[in-house]
Every structure is written in structure tokens, then in C-alpha cells.
Amino acid sequence: MDFYRNLKVSDWASLIPFGIACVAVGFGVKTLIDKKLGGPVNPAIRKEESKVVDSLDIEDLGNKAVFCRCWRSSKFPYCDGSHNAHNTVHADNVGPLIIKKKE
């Protein structure tokens, strides 16, 4: 495996286009996978935190509470209807989580 020690500078230079092609293919595959699987779920909410966690006492909810599940609400964790625009743009079907007292 000492063949790489015998390579001349011109031999190494001839490998540069192959290396660039490998990087380009890798980047292209990653881009396709990202587009197929999607990017981050959370586009902008509290990104400085390592994990977004909210906790509420059930007594504080009142008769009904509507929670965001699309991560686009300006009132997060509560829903503000932002999922409607998200669904239209991305052909998605996400909606809120609604919690209410039994009648």
C-alpha cells in the first residue's frame, strides 16, 4: 500500500477533478435527501435552546386550549392558524392539537 508515496505531483493533481466530482455528487445526494425528507421542523422558535419544552397544569387550561403542531405559530405553543398557510404552500395537512373539557 505504499503506492501513494510513488505518486508525482502531476498524479496527485490529476486526482483533483475526481475529488471535486465526489464532493459534488455527495452534496447533490444530501440535497435530494433533504428535499425528500424535509429540513428542520422548527424554523425559528426559540432556536437558542437545545430542546423546546413547554409544560402546563391542566387546571390552567380552562375549557379549551388549542396548541400548535406546525411550529410556525407566533404564539407558540398556542396555535394562531399559521398551519393554514403552511399547508397551502407545502401541500401538507398539519393541524392543531385541541384539548377541551368534556361537556
PDB file of N, CA and C in Angstrom:
ATOM      1  N   MET A   1       0.816  -1.196   0.000  1.00  0.00           N
ATOM      2  CA  MET A   1       0.000   0.000   0.000  1.00  0.00           C
ATOM      3  C   MET A   1       0.863   1.264   0.000  1.00  0.00           C
ATOM      4  N   ASP A   2       2.102   1.148  -0.392  1.00  0.00           N
ATOM      5  CA  ASP A   2       2.969   2.315  -0.445  1.00  0.00           C
ATOM      6  C   ASP A   2       2.933   2.996  -1.808  1.00  0.00           C
ATOM      7  N   PHE A   3       1.954   2.622  -2.637  1.00  0.00           N
ATOM      8  CA  PHE A   3       1.910   3.189  -3.991  1.00  0.00           C
ATOM      9  C   PHE A   3       1.687   4.701  -3.962  1.00  0.00           C
ATOM     10  N   TYR A   4       0.992   5.220  -2.944  1.00  0.00           N
ATOM     11  CA  TYR A   4       0.741   6.660  -2.892  1.00  0.00           C
ATOM     12  C   TYR A   4       2.015   7.453  -2.670  1.00  0.00           C
ATOM     13  N   ARG A   5       3.039   6.835  -2.118  1.00  0.00           N
ATOM     14  CA  ARG A   5       4.315   7.529  -1.920  1.00  0.00           C
ATOM     15  C   ARG A   5       5.049   7.716  -3.240  1.00  0.00           C
ATOM     16  N   ASN A   6       4.739   6.877  -4.229  1.00  0.00           N
ATOM     17  CA  ASN A   6       5.402   6.953  -5.523  1.00  0.00           C
ATOM     18  C   ASN A   6       4.700   7.893  -6.498  1.00  0.00           C
ATOM     19  N   LEU A   7       3.565   8.470  -6.091  1.00  0.00           N
ATOM     20  CA  LEU A   7       2.841   9.368  -6.986  1.00  0.00           C
ATOM     21  C   LEU A   7       3.564  10.705  -7.100  1.00  0.00           C
ATOM     22  N   LYS A   8       3.593  11.234  -8.310  1.00  0.00           N
ATOM     23  CA  LYS A   8       4.186  12.543  -8.551  1.00  0.00           C
ATOM     24  C   LYS A   8       3.127  13.613  -8.309  1.00  0.00           C
ATOM     25  N   VAL A   9       3.551  14.853  -8.261  1.00  0.00           N
ATOM     26  CA  VAL A   9       2.641  15.978  -8.073  1.00  0.00           C
ATOM     27  C   VAL A   9       1.600  15.990  -9.189  1.00  0.00           C
ATOM     28  N   SER A  10       2.022  15.693 -10.403  1.00  0.00           N
ATOM     29  CA  SER A  10       1.078  15.685 -11.532  1.00  0.00           C
ATOM     30  C   SER A  10       0.031  14.580 -11.362  1.00  0.00           C
ATOM     31  N   ASP A  11       0.440  13.451 -10.751  1.00  0.00           N
ATOM     32  CA  ASP A  11      -0.520  12.377 -10.488  1.00  0.00           C
ATOM     33  C   ASP A  11      -1.554  12.828  -9.463  1.00  0.00           C
ATOM     34  N   TRP A  12      -1.069  13.475  -8.407  1.00  0.00           N
ATOM     35  CA  TRP A  12      -1.993  13.984  -7.390  1.00  0.00           C
ATOM     36  C   TRP A  12      -2.917  15.037  -8.004  1.00  0.00           C
ATOM     37  N   ALA A  13      -2.372  15.903  -8.854  1.00  0.00           N
ATOM     38  CA  ALA A  13      -3.170  16.956  -9.493  1.00  0.00           C
ATOM     39  C   ALA A  13      -4.257  16.356 -10.378  1.00  0.00           C
ATOM     40  N   SER A  14      -3.958  15.227 -11.004  1.00  0.00           N
ATOM     41  CA  SER A  14      -4.960  14.603 -11.873  1.00  0.00           C
ATOM     42  C   SER A  14      -6.118  14.017 -11.062  1.00  0.00           C
ATOM     43  N   LEU A  15      -5.920  13.810  -9.748  1.00  0.00           N
ATOM     44  CA  LEU A  15      -6.979  13.297  -8.884  1.00  0.00           C
ATOM     45  C   LEU A  15      -7.929  14.393  -8.397  1.00  0.00           C
ATOM     46  N   ILE A  16      -7.519  15.647  -8.559  1.00  0.00           N
ATOM     47  CA  ILE A  16      -8.346  16.757  -8.081  1.00  0.00           C
ATOM     48  C   ILE A  16      -9.742  16.768  -8.726  1.00  0.00           C
ATOM     49  N   PRO A  17      -9.863  16.648 -10.054  1.00  0.00           N
ATOM     50  CA  PRO A  17     -11.214  16.648 -10.644  1.00  0.00           C
ATOM     51  C   PRO A  17     -12.085  15.507 -10.105  1.00  0.00           C
ATOM     52  N   PHE A  18     -11.488  14.344  -9.877  1.00  0.00           N
ATOM     53  CA  PHE A  18     -12.237  13.218  -9.322  1.00  0.00           C
ATOM     54  C   PHE A  18     -12.724  13.550  -7.908  1.00  0.00           C
ATOM     55  N   GLY A  19     -11.854  14.162  -7.112  1.00  0.00           N
ATOM     56  CA  GLY A  19     -12.231  14.552  -5.749  1.00  0.00           C
ATOM     57  C   GLY A  19     -13.357  15.569  -5.751  1.00  0.00           C
ATOM     58  N   ILE A  20     -13.263  16.547  -6.637  1.00  0.00           N
ATOM     59  CA  ILE A  20     -14.308  17.562  -6.758  1.00  0.00           C
ATOM     60  C   ILE A  20     -15.627  16.912  -7.179  1.00  0.00           C
ATOM     61  N   ALA A  21     -15.560  15.983  -8.123  1.00  0.00           N
ATOM     62  CA  ALA A  21     -16.766  15.288  -8.571  1.00  0.00           C
ATOM     63  C   ALA A  21     -17.399  14.497  -7.428  1.00  0.00           C
ATOM     64  N   CYS A  22     -16.587  13.850  -6.619  1.00  0.00           N
ATOM     65  CA  CYS A  22     -17.109  13.089  -5.469  1.00  0.00           C
ATOM     66  C   CYS A  22     -17.821  14.010  -4.488  1.00  0.00           C
ATOM     67  N   VAL A  23     -17.221  15.164  -4.208  1.00  0.00           N
ATOM     68  CA  VAL A  23     -17.842  16.127  -3.301  1.00  0.00           C
ATOM     69  C   VAL A  23     -19.161  16.629  -3.881  1.00  0.00           C
ATOM     70  N   ALA A  24     -19.184  16.927  -5.175  1.00  0.00           N
ATOM     71  CA  ALA A  24     -20.402  17.425  -5.822  1.00  0.00           C
ATOM     72  C   ALA A  24     -21.514  16.381  -5.780  1.00  0.00           C
ATOM     73  N   VAL A  25     -21.179  15.132  -6.057  1.00  0.00           N
ATOM     74  CA  VAL A  25     -22.178  14.065  -6.009  1.00  0.00           C
ATOM     75  C   VAL A  25     -22.694  13.906  -4.580  1.00  0.00           C
ATOM     76  N   GLY A  26     -21.801  13.922  -3.612  1.00  0.00           N
ATOM     77  CA  GLY A  26     -22.218  13.816  -2.215  1.00  0.00           C
ATOM     78  C   GLY A  26     -23.135  14.948  -1.805  1.00  0.00           C
ATOM     79  N   PHE A  27     -22.797  16.160  -2.220  1.00  0.00           N
ATOM     80  CA  PHE A  27     -23.640  17.310  -1.907  1.00  0.00           C
ATOM     81  C   PHE A  27     -24.993  17.177  -2.590  1.00  0.00           C
ATOM     82  N   GLY A  28     -25.001  16.721  -3.834  1.00  0.00           N
ATOM     83  CA  GLY A  28     -26.258  16.535  -4.569  1.00  0.00           C
ATOM     84  C   GLY A  28     -27.146  15.495  -3.918  1.00  0.00           C
ATOM     85  N   VAL A  29     -26.568  14.393  -3.494  1.00  0.00           N
ATOM     86  CA  VAL A  29     -27.339  13.337  -2.829  1.00  0.00           C
ATOM     87  C   VAL A  29     -27.906  13.870  -1.515  1.00  0.00           C
ATOM     88  N   LYS A  30     -27.089  14.603  -0.748  1.00  0.00           N
ATOM     89  CA  LYS A  30     -27.566  15.164   0.509  1.00  0.00           C
ATOM     90  C   LYS A  30     -28.716  16.132   0.249  1.00  0.00           C
ATOM     91  N   THR A  31     -28.609  16.968  -0.775  1.00  0.00           N
ATOM     92  CA  THR A  31     -29.658  17.921  -1.110  1.00  0.00           C
ATOM     93  C   THR A  31     -30.946  17.201  -1.478  1.00  0.00           C
ATOM     94  N   LEU A  32     -30.848  16.146  -2.270  1.00  0.00           N
ATOM     95  CA  LEU A  32     -32.033  15.371  -2.637  1.00  0.00           C
ATOM     96  C   LEU A  32     -32.677  14.736  -1.413  1.00  0.00           C
ATOM     97  N   ILE A  33     -31.876  14.196  -0.532  1.00  0.00           N
ATOM     98  CA  ILE A  33     -32.410  13.578   0.679  1.00  0.00           C
ATOM     99  C   ILE A  33     -33.094  14.628   1.552  1.00  0.00           C
ATOM    100  N   ASP A  34     -32.462  15.794   1.694  1.00  0.00           N
ATOM    101  CA  ASP A  34     -33.054  16.862   2.496  1.00  0.00           C
ATOM    102  C   ASP A  34     -34.391  17.304   1.911  1.00  0.00           C
ATOM    103  N   LYS A  35     -34.470  17.419   0.578  1.00  0.00           N
ATOM    104  CA  LYS A  35     -35.724  17.833  -0.048  1.00  0.00           C
ATOM    105  C   LYS A  35     -36.797  16.770   0.124  1.00  0.00           C
ATOM    106  N   LYS A  36     -36.406  15.515   0.037  1.00  0.00           N
ATOM    107  CA  LYS A  36     -37.370  14.423   0.166  1.00  0.00           C
ATOM    108  C   LYS A  36     -37.844  14.278   1.606  1.00  0.00           C
ATOM    109  N   LEU A  37     -36.922  14.331   2.546  1.00  0.00           N
ATOM    110  CA  LEU A  37     -37.270  14.142   3.948  1.00  0.00           C
ATOM    111  C   LEU A  37     -37.649  15.442   4.636  1.00  0.00           C
ATOM    112  N   GLY A  38     -37.306  16.555   4.044  1.00  0.00           N
ATOM    113  CA  GLY A  38     -37.589  17.846   4.655  1.00  0.00           C
ATOM    114  C   GLY A  38     -36.434  18.332   5.505  1.00  0.00           C
ATOM    115  N   GLY A  39     -36.497  19.597   5.808  1.00  0.00           N
ATOM    116  CA  GLY A  39     -35.475  20.188   6.651  1.00  0.00           C
ATOM    117  C   GLY A  39     -35.922  20.167   8.099  1.00  0.00           C
ATOM    118  N   PRO A  40     -35.437  21.105   8.873  1.00  0.00           N
ATOM    119  CA  PRO A  40     -35.836  21.163  10.275  1.00  0.00           C
ATOM    120  C   PRO A  40     -37.338  21.399  10.413  1.00  0.00           C
ATOM    121  N   VAL A  41     -37.936  20.803  11.403  1.00  0.00           N
ATOM    122  CA  VAL A  41     -39.356  21.004  11.678  1.00  0.00           C
ATOM    123  C   VAL A  41     -39.573  22.400  12.245  1.00  0.00           C
ATOM    124  N   ASN A  42     -38.708  22.813  13.130  1.00  0.00           N
ATOM    125  CA  ASN A  42     -38.812  24.108  13.796  1.00  0.00           C
ATOM    126  C   ASN A  42     -37.998  25.138  13.025  1.00  0.00           C
ATOM    127  N   PRO A  43     -38.665  26.059  12.300  1.00  0.00           N
ATOM    128  CA  PRO A  43     -37.910  27.026  11.505  1.00  0.00           C
ATOM    129  C   PRO A  43     -37.316  28.184  12.303  1.00  0.00           C
ATOM    130  N   ALA A  44     -37.953  28.585  13.445  1.00  0.00           N
ATOM    131  CA  ALA A  44     -37.457  29.785  14.108  1.00  0.00           C
ATOM    132  C   ALA A  44     -37.790  29.912  15.587  1.00  0.00           C
ATOM    133  N   ILE A  45     -38.486  28.986  16.180  1.00  0.00           N
ATOM    134  CA  ILE A  45     -38.965  29.154  17.551  1.00  0.00           C
ATOM    135  C   ILE A  45     -37.895  28.748  18.559  1.00  0.00           C
ATOM    136  N   ARG A  46     -37.448  29.726  19.355  1.00  0.00           N
ATOM    137  CA  ARG A  46     -36.504  29.500  20.461  1.00  0.00           C
ATOM    138  C   ARG A  46     -35.327  28.611  20.055  1.00  0.00           C
ATOM    139  N   LYS A  47     -34.679  28.965  18.948  1.00  0.00           N
ATOM    140  CA  LYS A  47     -33.567  28.169  18.413  1.00  0.00           C
ATOM    141  C   LYS A  47     -32.338  28.174  19.325  1.00  0.00           C
ATOM    142  N   GLU A  48     -32.252  29.127  20.251  1.00  0.00           N
ATOM    143  CA  GLU A  48     -31.101  29.182  21.145  1.00  0.00           C
ATOM    144  C   GLU A  48     -31.156  28.085  22.214  1.00  0.00           C
ATOM    145  N   GLU A  49     -32.333  27.438  22.360  1.00  0.00           N
ATOM    146  CA  GLU A  49     -32.479  26.353  23.336  1.00  0.00           C
ATOM    147  C   GLU A  49     -32.129  25.020  22.687  1.00  0.00           C
ATOM    148  N   SER A  50     -31.555  24.098  23.455  1.00  0.00           N
ATOM    149  CA  SER A  50     -31.202  22.792  22.893  1.00  0.00           C
ATOM    150  C   SER A  50     -32.440  21.942  22.626  1.00  0.00           C
ATOM    151  N   LYS A  51     -33.509  22.167  23.388  1.00  0.00           N
ATOM    152  CA  LYS A  51     -34.770  21.453  23.180  1.00  0.00           C
ATOM    153  C   LYS A  51     -35.898  22.351  23.664  1.00  0.00           C
ATOM    154  N   VAL A  52     -36.943  22.509  22.853  1.00  0.00           N
ATOM    155  CA  VAL A  52     -38.090  23.327  23.237  1.00  0.00           C
ATOM    156  C   VAL A  52     -39.077  22.440  23.989  1.00  0.00           C
ATOM    157  N   VAL A  53     -39.319  22.779  25.254  1.00  0.00           N
ATOM    158  CA  VAL A  53     -40.248  22.029  26.097  1.00  0.00           C
ATOM    159  C   VAL A  53     -41.167  23.024  26.794  1.00  0.00           C
ATOM    160  N   ASP A  54     -42.473  22.756  26.730  1.00  0.00           N
ATOM    161  CA  ASP A  54     -43.448  23.571  27.445  1.00  0.00           C
ATOM    162  C   ASP A  54     -44.266  22.653  28.346  1.00  0.00           C
ATOM    163  N   SER A  55     -44.597  23.150  29.522  1.00  0.00           N
ATOM    164  CA  SER A  55     -45.383  22.370  30.477  1.00  0.00           C
ATOM    165  C   SER A  55     -46.495  23.255  31.033  1.00  0.00           C
ATOM    166  N   LEU A  56     -47.710  22.710  31.073  1.00  0.00           N
ATOM    167  CA  LEU A  56     -48.853  23.443  31.600  1.00  0.00           C
ATOM    168  C   LEU A  56     -49.604  22.552  32.578  1.00  0.00           C
ATOM    169  N   ASP A  57     -50.183  23.169  33.605  1.00  0.00           N
ATOM    170  CA  ASP A  57     -51.051  22.428  34.507  1.00  0.00           C
ATOM    171  C   ASP A  57     -52.436  22.358  33.890  1.00  0.00           C
ATOM    172  N   ILE A  58     -53.074  21.219  33.965  1.00  0.00           N
ATOM    173  CA  ILE A  58     -54.385  21.032  33.346  1.00  0.00           C
ATOM    174  C   ILE A  58     -55.421  21.995  33.926  1.00  0.00           C
ATOM    175  N   GLU A  59     -55.241  22.374  35.183  1.00  0.00           N
ATOM    176  CA  GLU A  59     -56.167  23.318  35.803  1.00  0.00           C
ATOM    177  C   GLU A  59     -56.097  24.698  35.158  1.00  0.00           C
ATOM    178  N   ASP A  60     -54.962  25.029  34.560  1.00  0.00           N
ATOM    179  CA  ASP A  60     -54.769  26.347  33.948  1.00  0.00           C
ATOM    180  C   ASP A  60     -55.308  26.443  32.524  1.00  0.00           C
ATOM    181  N   LEU A  61     -55.775  25.345  31.972  1.00  0.00           N
ATOM    182  CA  LEU A  61     -56.198  25.344  30.569  1.00  0.00           C
ATOM    183  C   LEU A  61     -57.573  25.948  30.344  1.00  0.00           C
ATOM    184  N   GLY A  62     -58.416  25.979  31.346  1.00  0.00           N
ATOM    185  CA  GLY A  62     -59.772  26.483  31.154  1.00  0.00           C
ATOM    186  C   GLY A  62     -60.612  25.437  30.447  1.00  0.00           C
ATOM    187  N   ASN A  63     -61.600  25.884  29.680  1.00  0.00           N
ATOM    188  CA  ASN A  63     -62.499  24.955  28.991  1.00  0.00           C
ATOM    189  C   ASN A  63     -61.896  24.382  27.711  1.00  0.00           C
ATOM    190  N   LYS A  64     -60.985  25.132  27.093  1.00  0.00           N
ATOM    191  CA  LYS A  64     -60.432  24.691  25.805  1.00  0.00           C
ATOM    192  C   LYS A  64     -59.069  25.338  25.582  1.00  0.00           C
ATOM    193  N   ALA A  65     -58.140  24.574  25.022  1.00  0.00           N
ATOM    194  CA  ALA A  65     -56.820  25.102  24.643  1.00  0.00           C
ATOM    195  C   ALA A  65     -56.453  24.520  23.279  1.00  0.00           C
ATOM    196  N   VAL A  66     -55.875  25.360  22.417  1.00  0.00           N
ATOM    197  CA  VAL A  66     -55.500  24.937  21.067  1.00  0.00           C
ATOM    198  C   VAL A  66     -53.992  25.131  20.924  1.00  0.00           C
ATOM    199  N   PHE A  67     -53.284  24.014  20.706  1.00  0.00           N
ATOM    200  CA  PHE A  67     -51.825  24.029  20.660  1.00  0.00           C
ATOM    201  C   PHE A  67     -51.294  23.829  19.239  1.00  0.00           C
ATOM    202  N   CYS A  68     -50.206  24.545  18.935  1.00  0.00           N
ATOM    203  CA  CYS A  68     -49.567  24.472  17.619  1.00  0.00           C
ATOM    204  C   CYS A  68     -48.820  23.142  17.462  1.00  0.00           C
ATOM    205  N   ARG A  69     -48.947  22.557  16.262  1.00  0.00           N
ATOM    206  CA  ARG A  69     -48.158  21.366  15.926  1.00  0.00           C
ATOM    207  C   ARG A  69     -47.330  21.574  14.664  1.00  0.00           C
ATOM    208  N   CYS A  70     -47.425  22.773  14.053  1.00  0.00           N
ATOM    209  CA  CYS A  70     -46.674  23.020  12.814  1.00  0.00           C
ATOM    210  C   CYS A  70     -45.385  23.815  13.050  1.00  0.00           C
ATOM    211  N   TRP A  71     -45.195  24.315  14.230  1.00  0.00           N
ATOM    212  CA  TRP A  71     -44.011  25.092  14.612  1.00  0.00           C
ATOM    213  C   TRP A  71     -43.918  26.439  13.899  1.00  0.00           C
ATOM    214  N   ARG A  72     -45.009  26.966  13.400  1.00  0.00           N
ATOM    215  CA  ARG A  72     -44.974  28.253  12.714  1.00  0.00           C
ATOM    216  C   ARG A  72     -45.737  29.344  13.455  1.00  0.00           C
ATOM    217  N   SER A  73     -46.382  29.019  14.555  1.00  0.00           N
ATOM    218  CA  SER A  73     -47.212  29.966  15.290  1.00  0.00           C
ATOM    219  C   SER A  73     -46.384  31.053  15.967  1.00  0.00           C
ATOM    220  N   SER A  74     -46.833  32.301  15.846  1.00  0.00           N
ATOM    221  CA  SER A  74     -46.159  33.400  16.554  1.00  0.00           C
ATOM    222  C   SER A  74     -46.527  33.386  18.036  1.00  0.00           C
ATOM    223  N   LYS A  75     -47.521  32.585  18.424  1.00  0.00           N
ATOM    224  CA  LYS A  75     -47.935  32.466  19.824  1.00  0.00           C
ATOM    225  C   LYS A  75     -47.499  31.131  20.420  1.00  0.00           C
ATOM    226  N   PHE A  76     -46.564  30.437  19.795  1.00  0.00           N
ATOM    227  CA  PHE A  76     -46.166  29.106  20.226  1.00  0.00           C
ATOM    228  C   PHE A  76     -45.966  29.053  21.739  1.00  0.00           C
ATOM    229  N   PRO A  77     -46.505  28.068  22.442  1.00  0.00           N
ATOM    230  CA  PRO A  77     -47.027  26.789  21.982  1.00  0.00           C
ATOM    231  C   PRO A  77     -48.499  26.806  21.560  1.00  0.00           C
ATOM    232  N   TYR A  78     -49.139  27.976  21.619  1.00  0.00           N
ATOM    233  CA  TYR A  78     -50.538  28.054  21.213  1.00  0.00           C
ATOM    234  C   TYR A  78     -50.651  28.273  19.711  1.00  0.00           C
ATOM    235  N   CYS A  79     -51.717  27.772  19.128  1.00  0.00           N
ATOM    236  CA  CYS A  79     -51.947  27.894  17.684  1.00  0.00           C
ATOM    237  C   CYS A  79     -52.461  29.281  17.341  1.00  0.00           C
ATOM    238  N   ASP A  80     -51.977  29.842  16.243  1.00  0.00           N
ATOM    239  CA  ASP A  80     -52.509  31.107  15.731  1.00  0.00           C
ATOM    240  C   ASP A  80     -53.042  30.947  14.304  1.00  0.00           C
ATOM    241  N   GLY A  81     -53.156  29.698  13.831  1.00  0.00           N
ATOM    242  CA  GLY A  81     -53.678  29.434  12.487  1.00  0.00           C
ATOM    243  C   GLY A  81     -52.620  29.434  11.401  1.00  0.00           C
ATOM    244  N   SER A  82     -51.342  29.562  11.764  1.00  0.00           N
ATOM    245  CA  SER A  82     -50.257  29.591  10.774  1.00  0.00           C
ATOM    246  C   SER A  82     -50.191  28.313   9.943  1.00  0.00           C
ATOM    247  N   HIS A  83     -50.739  27.220  10.463  1.00  0.00           N
ATOM    248  CA  HIS A  83     -50.703  25.958   9.727  1.00  0.00           C
ATOM    249  C   HIS A  83     -51.477  26.042   8.412  1.00  0.00           C
ATOM    250  N   ASN A  84     -52.458  26.928   8.323  1.00  0.00           N
ATOM    251  CA  ASN A  84     -53.231  27.051   7.083  1.00  0.00           C
ATOM    252  C   ASN A  84     -52.347  27.479   5.915  1.00  0.00           C
ATOM    253  N   ALA A  85     -51.527  28.500   6.127  1.00  0.00           N
ATOM    254  CA  ALA A  85     -50.611  28.951   5.072  1.00  0.00           C
ATOM    255  C   ALA A  85     -49.552  27.890   4.790  1.00  0.00           C
ATOM    256  N   HIS A  86     -49.034  27.268   5.853  1.00  0.00           N
ATOM    257  CA  HIS A  86     -48.042  26.202   5.681  1.00  0.00           C
ATOM    258  C   HIS A  86     -48.622  25.071   4.832  1.00  0.00           C
ATOM    259  N   ASN A  87     -49.838  24.649   5.139  1.00  0.00           N
ATOM    260  CA  ASN A  87     -50.474  23.554   4.388  1.00  0.00           C
ATOM    261  C   ASN A  87     -50.652  23.903   2.920  1.00  0.00           C
ATOM    262  N   THR A  88     -51.029  25.135   2.629  1.00  0.00           N
ATOM    263  CA  THR A  88     -51.218  25.567   1.241  1.00  0.00           C
ATOM    264  C   THR A  88     -49.907  25.543   0.469  1.00  0.00           C
ATOM    265  N   VAL A  89     -48.863  26.092   1.069  1.00  0.00           N
ATOM    266  CA  VAL A  89     -47.562  26.183   0.393  1.00  0.00           C
ATOM    267  C   VAL A  89     -46.916  24.808   0.219  1.00  0.00           C
ATOM    268  N   HIS A  90     -47.018  23.944   1.232  1.00  0.00           N
ATOM    269  CA  HIS A  90     -46.281  22.681   1.226  1.00  0.00           C
ATOM    270  C   HIS A  90     -47.145  21.453   0.956  1.00  0.00           C
ATOM    271  N   ALA A  91     -48.406  21.650   0.587  1.00  0.00           N
ATOM    272  CA  ALA A  91     -49.332  20.536   0.344  1.00  0.00           C
ATOM    273  C   ALA A  91     -49.333  19.572   1.524  1.00  0.00           C
ATOM    274  N   ASP A  92     -49.373  20.155   2.722  1.00  0.00           N
ATOM    275  CA  ASP A  92     -49.346  19.373   3.955  1.00  0.00           C
ATOM    276  C   ASP A  92     -50.751  19.359   4.550  1.00  0.00           C
ATOM    277  N   ASN A  93     -50.931  18.647   5.647  1.00  0.00           N
ATOM    278  CA  ASN A  93     -52.249  18.594   6.273  1.00  0.00           C
ATOM    279  C   ASN A  93     -52.177  18.716   7.792  1.00  0.00           C
ATOM    280  N   VAL A  94     -51.148  19.391   8.298  1.00  0.00           N
ATOM    281  CA  VAL A  94     -50.975  19.527   9.740  1.00  0.00           C
ATOM    282  C   VAL A  94     -52.042  20.455  10.316  1.00  0.00           C
ATOM    283  N   GLY A  95     -52.466  20.165  11.521  1.00  0.00           N
ATOM    284  CA  GLY A  95     -53.437  20.989  12.229  1.00  0.00           C
ATOM    285  C   GLY A  95     -53.076  21.054  13.693  1.00  0.00           C
ATOM    286  N   PRO A  96     -53.858  21.807  14.480  1.00  0.00           N
ATOM    287  CA  PRO A  96     -53.530  21.981  15.891  1.00  0.00           C
ATOM    288  C   PRO A  96     -53.983  20.797  16.740  1.00  0.00           C
ATOM    289  N   LEU A  97     -53.497  20.772  17.965  1.00  0.00           N
ATOM    290  CA  LEU A  97     -53.974  19.852  18.991  1.00  0.00           C
ATOM    291  C   LEU A  97     -54.971  20.654  19.825  1.00  0.00           C
ATOM    292  N   ILE A  98     -56.220  20.179  19.904  1.00  0.00           N
ATOM    293  CA  ILE A  98     -57.265  20.852  20.667  1.00  0.00           C
ATOM    294  C   ILE A  98     -57.590  20.011  21.896  1.00  0.00           C
ATOM    295  N   ILE A  99     -57.492  20.636  23.066  1.00  0.00           N
ATOM    296  CA  ILE A  99     -57.810  19.959  24.312  1.00  0.00           C
ATOM    297  C   ILE A  99     -58.976  20.731  24.938  1.00  0.00           C
ATOM    298  N   LYS A 100     -60.067  20.018  25.257  1.00  0.00           N
ATOM    299  CA  LYS A 100     -61.222  20.676  25.874  1.00  0.00           C
ATOM    300  C   LYS A 100     -61.839  19.780  26.929  1.00  0.00           C
ATOM    301  N   LYS A 101     -62.572  20.420  27.840  1.00  0.00           N
ATOM    302  CA  LYS A 101     -63.260  19.682  28.877  1.00  0.00           C
ATOM    303  C   LYS A 101     -64.454  18.960  28.274  1.00  0.00           C
ATOM    304  N   LYS A 102     -64.770  17.791  28.851  1.00  0.00           N
ATOM    305  CA  LYS A 102     -65.987  17.091  28.440  1.00  0.00           C
ATOM    306  C   LYS A 102     -67.191  17.895  28.872  1.00  0.00           C
ATOM    307  N   GLU A 103     -68.200  17.849  28.045  1.00  0.00           N
ATOM    308  CA  GLU A 103     -69.434  18.575  28.389  1.00  0.00           C
ATOM    309  C   GLU A 103     -70.433  17.675  29.052  1.00  0.00           C
TER     310      GLU A 103
END
